């Protein structure tokens, strides 16, 4: 916990960026910002290890705000066509000041709200649906977009899904893996995509790692894909040399 506090204070945390691509063309459409921490003695730690510590220590809101402001600052130096998604933790989402923090981060970096997307987990939304709807409406009114992350794992009610002011569903990676193991997995992903499109929502498939998964997602008319098949998360400086060149090439 103390090491994490030191990392926050002295700049030990980093944002890595992973590309999201258009399913039909595989052209880059945006990026997801992911927090990374290289511990001075234990090396690179998975967020699965240090995020629970941050939550227990009451540090997650501070880290979340740092991530939001850092992503906006990075966006400011990248082409206008680039958009970035940032994850929001339960404590951040519960904070009444979140809309003001988002507004401040965008204004400080002079970034258009349309270039930012916030990702909220399905399980978080379902904890108090009516409150979530109200909070999401306030945030979405700022001009940014909202995605439901890990969709399919939170047992959402279809009656509530139609009321949620969101723009994107991100299919959890576990369902993407199951697509190639049997007809039930493929049918489930197909149903999610059809449901989302009926509600006029965009669909992003997470954890795409094989050409077969990508092929099936194209057949199912999934809108976008994200996963190691198209690029691993990389630090901002590597991103600028590795992915901005690809963006420039596909824009021609």
C-alpha atoms as a PDB file:
ATOM      1  CA  UNK A   1       0.000   0.000   0.000  1.00  0.00           C
ATOM      2  CA  UNK A   2       2.805   2.409   0.852  1.00  0.00           C
ATOM      3  CA  UNK A   3       4.617   1.553  -2.372  1.00  0.00           C
ATOM      4  CA  UNK A   4       1.432   2.347  -4.276  1.00  0.00           C
ATOM      5  CA  UNK A   5       1.105   5.682  -2.488  1.00  0.00           C
ATOM      6  CA  UNK A   6       4.695   6.464  -3.468  1.00  0.00           C
ATOM      7  CA  UNK A   7       3.964   5.494  -7.086  1.00  0.00           C
ATOM      8  CA  UNK A   8       1.003   7.883  -7.189  1.00  0.00           C
ATOM      9  CA  UNK A   9       3.037  10.701  -5.652  1.00  0.00           C
ATOM     10  CA  UNK A  10       6.200  10.226  -7.711  1.00  0.00           C
ATOM     11  CA  UNK A  11       4.757   9.266 -11.090  1.00  0.00           C
ATOM     12  CA  UNK A  12       5.240   5.507 -10.915  1.00  0.00           C
ATOM     13  CA  UNK A  13       2.002   4.721 -12.722  1.00  0.00           C
ATOM     14  CA  UNK A  14       1.664   4.676 -16.509  1.00  0.00           C
ATOM     15  CA  UNK A  15      -1.140   4.554 -19.023  1.00  0.00           C
ATOM     16  CA  UNK A  16      -0.847   1.990 -21.786  1.00  0.00           C
ATOM     17  CA  UNK A  17      -3.047   2.098 -24.890  1.00  0.00           C
ATOM     18  CA  UNK A  18      -4.577  -0.822 -26.793  1.00  0.00           C
ATOM     19  CA  UNK A  19      -6.138  -0.320 -30.246  1.00  0.00           C
ATOM     20  CA  UNK A  20      -9.780  -0.947 -31.123  1.00  0.00           C
ATOM     21  CA  UNK A  21     -10.373  -1.743 -34.810  1.00  0.00           C
ATOM     22  CA  UNK A  22     -13.303  -1.663 -37.221  1.00  0.00           C
ATOM     23  CA  UNK A  23     -14.342  -5.273 -37.756  1.00  0.00           C
ATOM     24  CA  UNK A  24     -14.808  -5.172 -41.525  1.00  0.00           C
ATOM     25  CA  UNK A  25     -11.658  -3.208 -42.381  1.00  0.00           C
ATOM     26  CA  UNK A  26      -9.457  -3.704 -39.294  1.00  0.00           C
ATOM     27  CA  UNK A  27      -8.664   0.008 -39.403  1.00  0.00           C
ATOM     28  CA  UNK A  28      -7.991   1.559 -36.017  1.00  0.00           C
ATOM     29  CA  UNK A  29     -11.002   3.455 -34.652  1.00  0.00           C
ATOM     30  CA  UNK A  30      -9.827   4.216 -31.126  1.00  0.00           C
ATOM     31  CA  UNK A  31      -7.909   3.042 -28.075  1.00  0.00           C
ATOM     32  CA  UNK A  32      -8.534   1.889 -24.523  1.00  0.00           C
ATOM     33  CA  UNK A  33      -6.393   3.365 -21.762  1.00  0.00           C
ATOM     34  CA  UNK A  34      -5.112   0.753 -19.289  1.00  0.00           C
ATOM     35  CA  UNK A  35      -3.216   1.459 -16.049  1.00  0.00           C
ATOM     36  CA  UNK A  36       0.165  -0.193 -15.536  1.00  0.00           C
ATOM     37  CA  UNK A  37       2.525  -0.154 -12.536  1.00  0.00           C
ATOM     38  CA  UNK A  38       6.148  -1.279 -12.563  1.00  0.00           C
ATOM     39  CA  UNK A  39       7.000  -1.972  -8.918  1.00  0.00           C
ATOM     40  CA  UNK A  40      10.614  -1.109  -7.928  1.00  0.00           C
ATOM     41  CA  UNK A  41      11.351  -4.662  -6.725  1.00  0.00           C
ATOM     42  CA  UNK A  42       8.494  -6.881  -7.954  1.00  0.00           C
ATOM     43  CA  UNK A  43       8.490  -5.571 -11.503  1.00  0.00           C
ATOM     44  CA  UNK A  44       5.387  -5.242 -13.675  1.00  0.00           C
ATOM     45  CA  UNK A  45       2.228  -5.900 -11.662  1.00  0.00           C
ATOM     46  CA  UNK A  46      -1.157  -6.768 -13.094  1.00  0.00           C
ATOM     47  CA  UNK A  47      -3.977  -4.320 -12.312  1.00  0.00           C
ATOM     48  CA  UNK A  48      -5.774  -7.365 -10.886  1.00  0.00           C
ATOM     49  CA  UNK A  49      -3.173  -7.319  -8.110  1.00  0.00           C
ATOM     50  CA  UNK A  50      -2.861  -3.635  -7.272  1.00  0.00           C
ATOM     51  CA  UNK A  51      -6.355  -2.284  -8.006  1.00  0.00           C
ATOM     52  CA  UNK A  52      -7.927  -4.208  -5.062  1.00  0.00           C
ATOM     53  CA  UNK A  53      -5.205  -2.750  -2.817  1.00  0.00           C
ATOM     54  CA  UNK A  54      -5.989   0.723  -4.138  1.00  0.00           C
ATOM     55  CA  UNK A  55      -9.692   0.175  -3.455  1.00  0.00           C
ATOM     56  CA  UNK A  56      -9.109  -1.056   0.097  1.00  0.00           C
ATOM     57  CA  UNK A  57      -6.751   1.844   0.833  1.00  0.00           C
ATOM     58  CA  UNK A  58      -9.113   4.468  -0.577  1.00  0.00           C
ATOM     59  CA  UNK A  59      -6.682   5.342  -3.374  1.00  0.00           C
ATOM     60  CA  UNK A  60      -8.710   4.223  -6.373  1.00  0.00           C
ATOM     61  CA  UNK A  61     -10.516   7.546  -6.828  1.00  0.00           C
ATOM     62  CA  UNK A  62      -7.185   9.383  -6.910  1.00  0.00           C
ATOM     63  CA  UNK A  63      -5.754   6.881  -9.392  1.00  0.00           C
ATOM     64  CA  UNK A  64      -8.900   7.058 -11.504  1.00  0.00           C
ATOM     65  CA  UNK A  65      -8.764  10.835 -11.723  1.00  0.00           C
ATOM     66  CA  UNK A  66      -5.070  10.656 -12.624  1.00  0.00           C
ATOM     67  CA  UNK A  67      -5.870   8.188 -15.409  1.00  0.00           C
ATOM     68  CA  UNK A  68      -8.650  10.392 -16.739  1.00  0.00           C
ATOM     69  CA  UNK A  69      -6.522  13.542 -16.773  1.00  0.00           C
ATOM     70  CA  UNK A  70      -3.514  11.727 -18.244  1.00  0.00           C
ATOM     71  CA  UNK A  71      -5.595  10.223 -21.050  1.00  0.00           C
ATOM     72  CA  UNK A  72      -6.992  13.656 -21.899  1.00  0.00           C
ATOM     73  CA  UNK A  73      -3.506  15.216 -21.920  1.00  0.00           C
ATOM     74  CA  UNK A  74      -2.243  12.479 -24.230  1.00  0.00           C
ATOM     75  CA  UNK A  75      -5.269  12.922 -26.489  1.00  0.00           C
ATOM     76  CA  UNK A  76      -4.504  16.616 -26.850  1.00  0.00           C
ATOM     77  CA  UNK A  77      -1.249  15.839 -28.687  1.00  0.00           C
ATOM     78  CA  UNK A  78      -2.751  13.203 -30.999  1.00  0.00           C
ATOM     79  CA  UNK A  79      -4.781  13.628 -34.209  1.00  0.00           C
ATOM     80  CA  UNK A  80      -8.406  14.738 -33.860  1.00  0.00           C
ATOM     81  CA  UNK A  81      -9.542  11.388 -35.249  1.00  0.00           C
ATOM     82  CA  UNK A  82      -8.163   9.519 -32.232  1.00  0.00           C
ATOM     83  CA  UNK A  83     -10.577   8.699 -29.402  1.00  0.00           C
ATOM     84  CA  UNK A  84      -9.829   6.982 -26.101  1.00  0.00           C
ATOM     85  CA  UNK A  85     -11.876   4.926 -23.641  1.00  0.00           C
ATOM     86  CA  UNK A  86     -11.123   5.155 -19.908  1.00  0.00           C
ATOM     87  CA  UNK A  87     -12.395   2.756 -17.254  1.00  0.00           C
ATOM     88  CA  UNK A  88     -14.361   4.116 -14.294  1.00  0.00           C
ATOM     89  CA  UNK A  89     -14.204   2.338 -10.929  1.00  0.00           C
ATOM     90  CA  UNK A  90     -17.217   1.865  -8.629  1.00  0.00           C
ATOM     91  CA  UNK A  91     -15.931   4.503  -6.200  1.00  0.00           C
ATOM     92  CA  UNK A  92     -15.407   6.978  -9.027  1.00  0.00           C
ATOM     93  CA  UNK A  93     -18.870   6.339 -10.386  1.00  0.00           C
ATOM     94  CA  UNK A  94     -20.392   6.863  -6.936  1.00  0.00           C
ATOM     95  CA  UNK A  95     -18.615  10.202  -6.525  1.00  0.00           C
ATOM     96  CA  UNK A  96     -21.076  13.086  -7.165  1.00  0.00           C
ATOM     97  CA  UNK A  97     -18.112  15.145  -8.370  1.00  0.00           C
ATOM     98  CA  UNK A  98     -17.373  12.812 -11.302  1.00  0.00           C
ATOM     99  CA  UNK A  99     -19.080  15.017 -13.941  1.00  0.00           C
ATOM    100  CA  UNK A 100     -17.119  18.035 -12.702  1.00  0.00           C
ATOM    101  CA  UNK A 101     -13.860  16.043 -12.751  1.00  0.00           C
ATOM    102  CA  UNK A 102     -14.513  14.904 -16.330  1.00  0.00           C
ATOM    103  CA  UNK A 103     -15.368  18.452 -17.408  1.00  0.00           C
ATOM    104  CA  UNK A 104     -12.198  19.788 -15.767  1.00  0.00           C
ATOM    105  CA  UNK A 105      -9.987  17.134 -17.383  1.00  0.00           C
ATOM    106  CA  UNK A 106     -11.383  17.846 -20.850  1.00  0.00           C
ATOM    107  CA  UNK A 107     -11.166  21.619 -20.417  1.00  0.00           C
ATOM    108  CA  UNK A 108      -7.598  21.524 -19.065  1.00  0.00           C
ATOM    109  CA  UNK A 109      -6.433  19.452 -22.022  1.00  0.00           C
ATOM    110  CA  UNK A 110      -8.663  21.337 -24.493  1.00  0.00           C
ATOM    111  CA  UNK A 111     -10.044  18.051 -25.816  1.00  0.00           C
ATOM    112  CA  UNK A 112     -13.494  17.674 -27.380  1.00  0.00           C
ATOM    113  CA  UNK A 113     -15.815  15.508 -25.236  1.00  0.00           C
ATOM    114  CA  UNK A 114     -16.702  13.387 -28.284  1.00  0.00           C
ATOM    115  CA  UNK A 115     -13.165  11.975 -28.240  1.00  0.00           C
ATOM    116  CA  UNK A 116     -13.606  10.457 -24.762  1.00  0.00           C
ATOM    117  CA  UNK A 117     -15.549   7.350 -23.781  1.00  0.00           C
ATOM    118  CA  UNK A 118     -16.092   6.139 -20.219  1.00  0.00           C
ATOM    119  CA  UNK A 119     -16.365   2.411 -19.583  1.00  0.00           C
ATOM    120  CA  UNK A 120     -18.630   1.261 -16.748  1.00  0.00           C
ATOM    121  CA  UNK A 121     -18.910  -2.408 -15.763  1.00  0.00           C
ATOM    122  CA  UNK A 122     -22.271  -4.067 -16.122  1.00  0.00           C
ATOM    123  CA  UNK A 123     -22.223  -5.359 -12.532  1.00  0.00           C
ATOM    124  CA  UNK A 124     -21.695  -1.812 -11.231  1.00  0.00           C
ATOM    125  CA  UNK A 125     -24.671  -0.468 -13.162  1.00  0.00           C
ATOM    126  CA  UNK A 126     -26.911  -3.261 -11.902  1.00  0.00           C
ATOM    127  CA  UNK A 127     -26.184  -2.522  -8.222  1.00  0.00           C
ATOM    128  CA  UNK A 128     -28.670   0.369  -8.313  1.00  0.00           C
ATOM    129  CA  UNK A 129     -30.146   0.697 -11.776  1.00  0.00           C
ATOM    130  CA  UNK A 130     -32.278   3.812 -11.222  1.00  0.00           C
ATOM    131  CA  UNK A 131     -29.379   5.687  -9.640  1.00  0.00           C
ATOM    132  CA  UNK A 132     -27.081   4.498 -12.437  1.00  0.00           C
ATOM    133  CA  UNK A 133     -29.476   5.774 -15.095  1.00  0.00           C
ATOM    134  CA  UNK A 134     -29.567   9.214 -13.482  1.00  0.00           C
ATOM    135  CA  UNK A 135     -25.776   9.375 -13.112  1.00  0.00           C
ATOM    136  CA  UNK A 136     -25.185   8.146 -16.664  1.00  0.00           C
ATOM    137  CA  UNK A 137     -27.590  10.742 -18.070  1.00  0.00           C
ATOM    138  CA  UNK A 138     -25.653  13.508 -16.302  1.00  0.00           C
ATOM    139  CA  UNK A 139     -22.299  12.253 -17.583  1.00  0.00           C
ATOM    140  CA  UNK A 140     -23.509  11.601 -21.123  1.00  0.00           C
ATOM    141  CA  UNK A 141     -24.940  15.135 -21.301  1.00  0.00           C
ATOM    142  CA  UNK A 142     -21.333  16.382 -21.228  1.00  0.00           C
ATOM    143  CA  UNK A 143     -20.982  15.187 -24.832  1.00  0.00           C
ATOM    144  CA  UNK A 144     -18.919  12.041 -24.350  1.00  0.00           C
ATOM    145  CA  UNK A 145     -19.951   8.427 -24.950  1.00  0.00           C
ATOM    146  CA  UNK A 146     -20.495   5.599 -22.460  1.00  0.00           C
ATOM    147  CA  UNK A 147     -19.761   1.896 -22.825  1.00  0.00           C
ATOM    148  CA  UNK A 148     -20.921  -1.053 -20.732  1.00  0.00           C
ATOM    149  CA  UNK A 149     -17.772  -3.096 -20.128  1.00  0.00           C
ATOM    150  CA  UNK A 150     -17.688  -6.903 -19.661  1.00  0.00           C
ATOM    151  CA  UNK A 151     -21.239  -7.192 -20.964  1.00  0.00           C
ATOM    152  CA  UNK A 152     -22.848 -10.556 -20.282  1.00  0.00           C
ATOM    153  CA  UNK A 153     -21.204 -11.108 -16.888  1.00  0.00           C
ATOM    154  CA  UNK A 154     -23.478  -8.935 -14.741  1.00  0.00           C
ATOM    155  CA  UNK A 155     -26.854 -10.576 -15.380  1.00  0.00           C
ATOM    156  CA  UNK A 156     -28.489  -7.373 -16.561  1.00  0.00           C
ATOM    157  CA  UNK A 157     -32.241  -7.124 -16.960  1.00  0.00           C
ATOM    158  CA  UNK A 158     -33.334  -6.556 -20.531  1.00  0.00           C
ATOM    159  CA  UNK A 159     -36.038  -4.177 -19.322  1.00  0.00           C
ATOM    160  CA  UNK A 160     -33.340  -1.946 -17.835  1.00  0.00           C
ATOM    161  CA  UNK A 161     -30.949  -2.252 -20.764  1.00  0.00           C
ATOM    162  CA  UNK A 162     -33.357  -0.401 -23.029  1.00  0.00           C
ATOM    163  CA  UNK A 163     -33.453   2.485 -20.524  1.00  0.00           C
ATOM    164  CA  UNK A 164     -29.738   2.877 -19.967  1.00  0.00           C
ATOM    165  CA  UNK A 165     -28.263   5.991 -21.621  1.00  0.00           C
ATOM    166  CA  UNK A 166     -25.261   4.196 -23.127  1.00  0.00           C
ATOM    167  CA  UNK A 167     -23.707   4.005 -26.591  1.00  0.00           C
ATOM    168  CA  UNK A 168     -21.652   0.810 -26.649  1.00  0.00           C
ATOM    169  CA  UNK A 169     -21.708  -2.769 -25.368  1.00  0.00           C
ATOM    170  CA  UNK A 170     -18.336  -4.481 -24.924  1.00  0.00           C
ATOM    171  CA  UNK A 171     -18.703  -8.265 -25.095  1.00  0.00           C
ATOM    172  CA  UNK A 172     -16.643  -9.928 -22.370  1.00  0.00           C
ATOM    173  CA  UNK A 173     -13.615 -11.878 -23.607  1.00  0.00           C
ATOM    174  CA  UNK A 174     -14.925 -15.127 -22.097  1.00  0.00           C
ATOM    175  CA  UNK A 175     -17.782 -15.143 -24.617  1.00  0.00           C
ATOM    176  CA  UNK A 176     -15.377 -14.463 -27.479  1.00  0.00           C
ATOM    177  CA  UNK A 177     -13.323 -17.512 -26.468  1.00  0.00           C
ATOM    178  CA  UNK A 178     -16.460 -19.678 -26.226  1.00  0.00           C
ATOM    179  CA  UNK A 179     -17.451 -18.790 -29.801  1.00  0.00           C
ATOM    180  CA  UNK A 180     -14.965 -21.292 -31.187  1.00  0.00           C
ATOM    181  CA  UNK A 181     -15.655 -24.100 -28.704  1.00  0.00           C
ATOM    182  CA  UNK A 182     -19.260 -24.905 -29.577  1.00  0.00           C
ATOM    183  CA  UNK A 183     -22.521 -23.703 -31.136  1.00  0.00           C
ATOM    184  CA  UNK A 184     -23.866 -22.378 -27.828  1.00  0.00           C
ATOM    185  CA  UNK A 185     -21.042 -19.844 -27.484  1.00  0.00           C
ATOM    186  CA  UNK A 186     -21.498 -18.642 -31.050  1.00  0.00           C
ATOM    187  CA  UNK A 187     -25.268 -18.356 -30.577  1.00  0.00           C
ATOM    188  CA  UNK A 188     -24.801 -16.310 -27.415  1.00  0.00           C
ATOM    189  CA  UNK A 189     -22.492 -13.775 -29.081  1.00  0.00           C
ATOM    190  CA  UNK A 190     -24.830 -13.583 -32.060  1.00  0.00           C
ATOM    191  CA  UNK A 191     -27.747 -12.856 -29.731  1.00  0.00           C
ATOM    192  CA  UNK A 192     -25.851 -10.102 -27.890  1.00  0.00           C
ATOM    193  CA  UNK A 193     -24.900  -8.410 -31.164  1.00  0.00           C
ATOM    194  CA  UNK A 194     -28.444  -8.622 -32.543  1.00  0.00           C
ATOM    195  CA  UNK A 195     -29.888  -7.262 -29.294  1.00  0.00           C
ATOM    196  CA  UNK A 196     -27.440  -4.362 -29.211  1.00  0.00           C
ATOM    197  CA  UNK A 197     -28.106  -3.414 -32.815  1.00  0.00           C
ATOM    198  CA  UNK A 198     -31.860  -3.557 -32.206  1.00  0.00           C
ATOM    199  CA  UNK A 199     -31.284  -1.018 -29.412  1.00  0.00           C
ATOM    200  CA  UNK A 200     -29.074   1.055 -31.752  1.00  0.00           C
ATOM    201  CA  UNK A 201     -25.939   0.348 -29.715  1.00  0.00           C
ATOM    202  CA  UNK A 202     -22.457  -0.263 -31.059  1.00  0.00           C
ATOM    203  CA  UNK A 203     -20.779  -3.579 -30.159  1.00  0.00           C
ATOM    204  CA  UNK A 204     -17.088  -4.126 -29.378  1.00  0.00           C
ATOM    205  CA  UNK A 205     -15.753  -7.667 -28.882  1.00  0.00           C
ATOM    206  CA  UNK A 206     -12.942  -7.853 -26.314  1.00  0.00           C
ATOM    207  CA  UNK A 207     -10.102 -10.359 -26.118  1.00  0.00           C
ATOM    208  CA  UNK A 208      -9.894 -11.235 -29.821  1.00  0.00           C
ATOM    209  CA  UNK A 209      -6.736 -13.292 -30.221  1.00  0.00           C
ATOM    210  CA  UNK A 210      -7.220 -15.529 -33.279  1.00  0.00           C
ATOM    211  CA  UNK A 211      -8.114 -15.095 -36.931  1.00  0.00           C
ATOM    212  CA  UNK A 212     -10.982 -17.560 -36.473  1.00  0.00           C
ATOM    213  CA  UNK A 213     -12.549 -15.369 -33.772  1.00  0.00           C
ATOM    214  CA  UNK A 214     -12.215 -12.330 -36.027  1.00  0.00           C
ATOM    215  CA  UNK A 215     -13.748 -14.218 -38.946  1.00  0.00           C
ATOM    216  CA  UNK A 216     -16.777 -15.234 -36.893  1.00  0.00           C
ATOM    217  CA  UNK A 217     -17.245 -11.707 -35.565  1.00  0.00           C
ATOM    218  CA  UNK A 218     -17.246 -10.377 -39.125  1.00  0.00           C
ATOM    219  CA  UNK A 219     -19.938 -12.892 -40.062  1.00  0.00           C
ATOM    220  CA  UNK A 220     -21.997 -11.761 -37.044  1.00  0.00           C
ATOM    221  CA  UNK A 221     -21.635  -8.069 -38.043  1.00  0.00           C
ATOM    222  CA  UNK A 222     -19.871  -7.060 -34.834  1.00  0.00           C
ATOM    223  CA  UNK A 223     -18.916  -3.383 -35.157  1.00  0.00           C
ATOM    224  CA  UNK A 224     -15.449  -3.315 -33.592  1.00  0.00           C
ATOM    225  CA  UNK A 225     -12.843  -5.643 -32.097  1.00  0.00           C
ATOM    226  CA  UNK A 226     -10.100  -5.362 -29.510  1.00  0.00           C
ATOM    227  CA  UNK A 227      -7.415  -7.856 -28.522  1.00  0.00           C
ATOM    228  CA  UNK A 228      -3.872  -9.117 -28.962  1.00  0.00           C
ATOM    229  CA  UNK A 229      -4.588 -10.032 -32.586  1.00  0.00           C
ATOM    230  CA  UNK A 230      -4.561  -6.313 -33.419  1.00  0.00           C
ATOM    231  CA  UNK A 231      -2.077  -5.020 -30.867  1.00  0.00           C
ATOM    232  CA  UNK A 232      -1.026  -5.347 -27.255  1.00  0.00           C
ATOM    233  CA  UNK A 233      -1.274  -2.400 -24.851  1.00  0.00           C
ATOM    234  CA  UNK A 234       1.782  -0.150 -25.194  1.00  0.00           C
ATOM    235  CA  UNK A 235       3.124   2.921 -23.402  1.00  0.00           C
ATOM    236  CA  UNK A 236       2.249   6.348 -24.781  1.00  0.00           C
ATOM    237  CA  UNK A 237       5.666   6.934 -26.377  1.00  0.00           C
ATOM    238  CA  UNK A 238       5.571   3.556 -28.152  1.00  0.00           C
ATOM    239  CA  UNK A 239       1.962   4.221 -29.133  1.00  0.00           C
ATOM    240  CA  UNK A 240       2.993   7.432 -30.870  1.00  0.00           C
ATOM    241  CA  UNK A 241       5.567   5.671 -33.054  1.00  0.00           C
ATOM    242  CA  UNK A 242       3.738   2.362 -33.549  1.00  0.00           C
ATOM    243  CA  UNK A 243       0.073   3.252 -33.960  1.00  0.00           C
ATOM    244  CA  UNK A 244       0.001   6.849 -35.144  1.00  0.00           C
ATOM    245  CA  UNK A 245       1.883   5.749 -38.255  1.00  0.00           C
ATOM    246  CA  UNK A 246      -0.829   3.132 -38.898  1.00  0.00           C
ATOM    247  CA  UNK A 247      -3.493   5.795 -38.426  1.00  0.00           C
ATOM    248  CA  UNK A 248      -1.801   8.049 -40.940  1.00  0.00           C
ATOM    249  CA  UNK A 249      -1.543   5.197 -43.439  1.00  0.00           C
ATOM    250  CA  UNK A 250      -5.185   4.125 -43.154  1.00  0.00           C
ATOM    251  CA  UNK A 251      -6.376   7.728 -43.407  1.00  0.00           C
ATOM    252  CA  UNK A 252      -4.877   8.087 -46.894  1.00  0.00           C
END
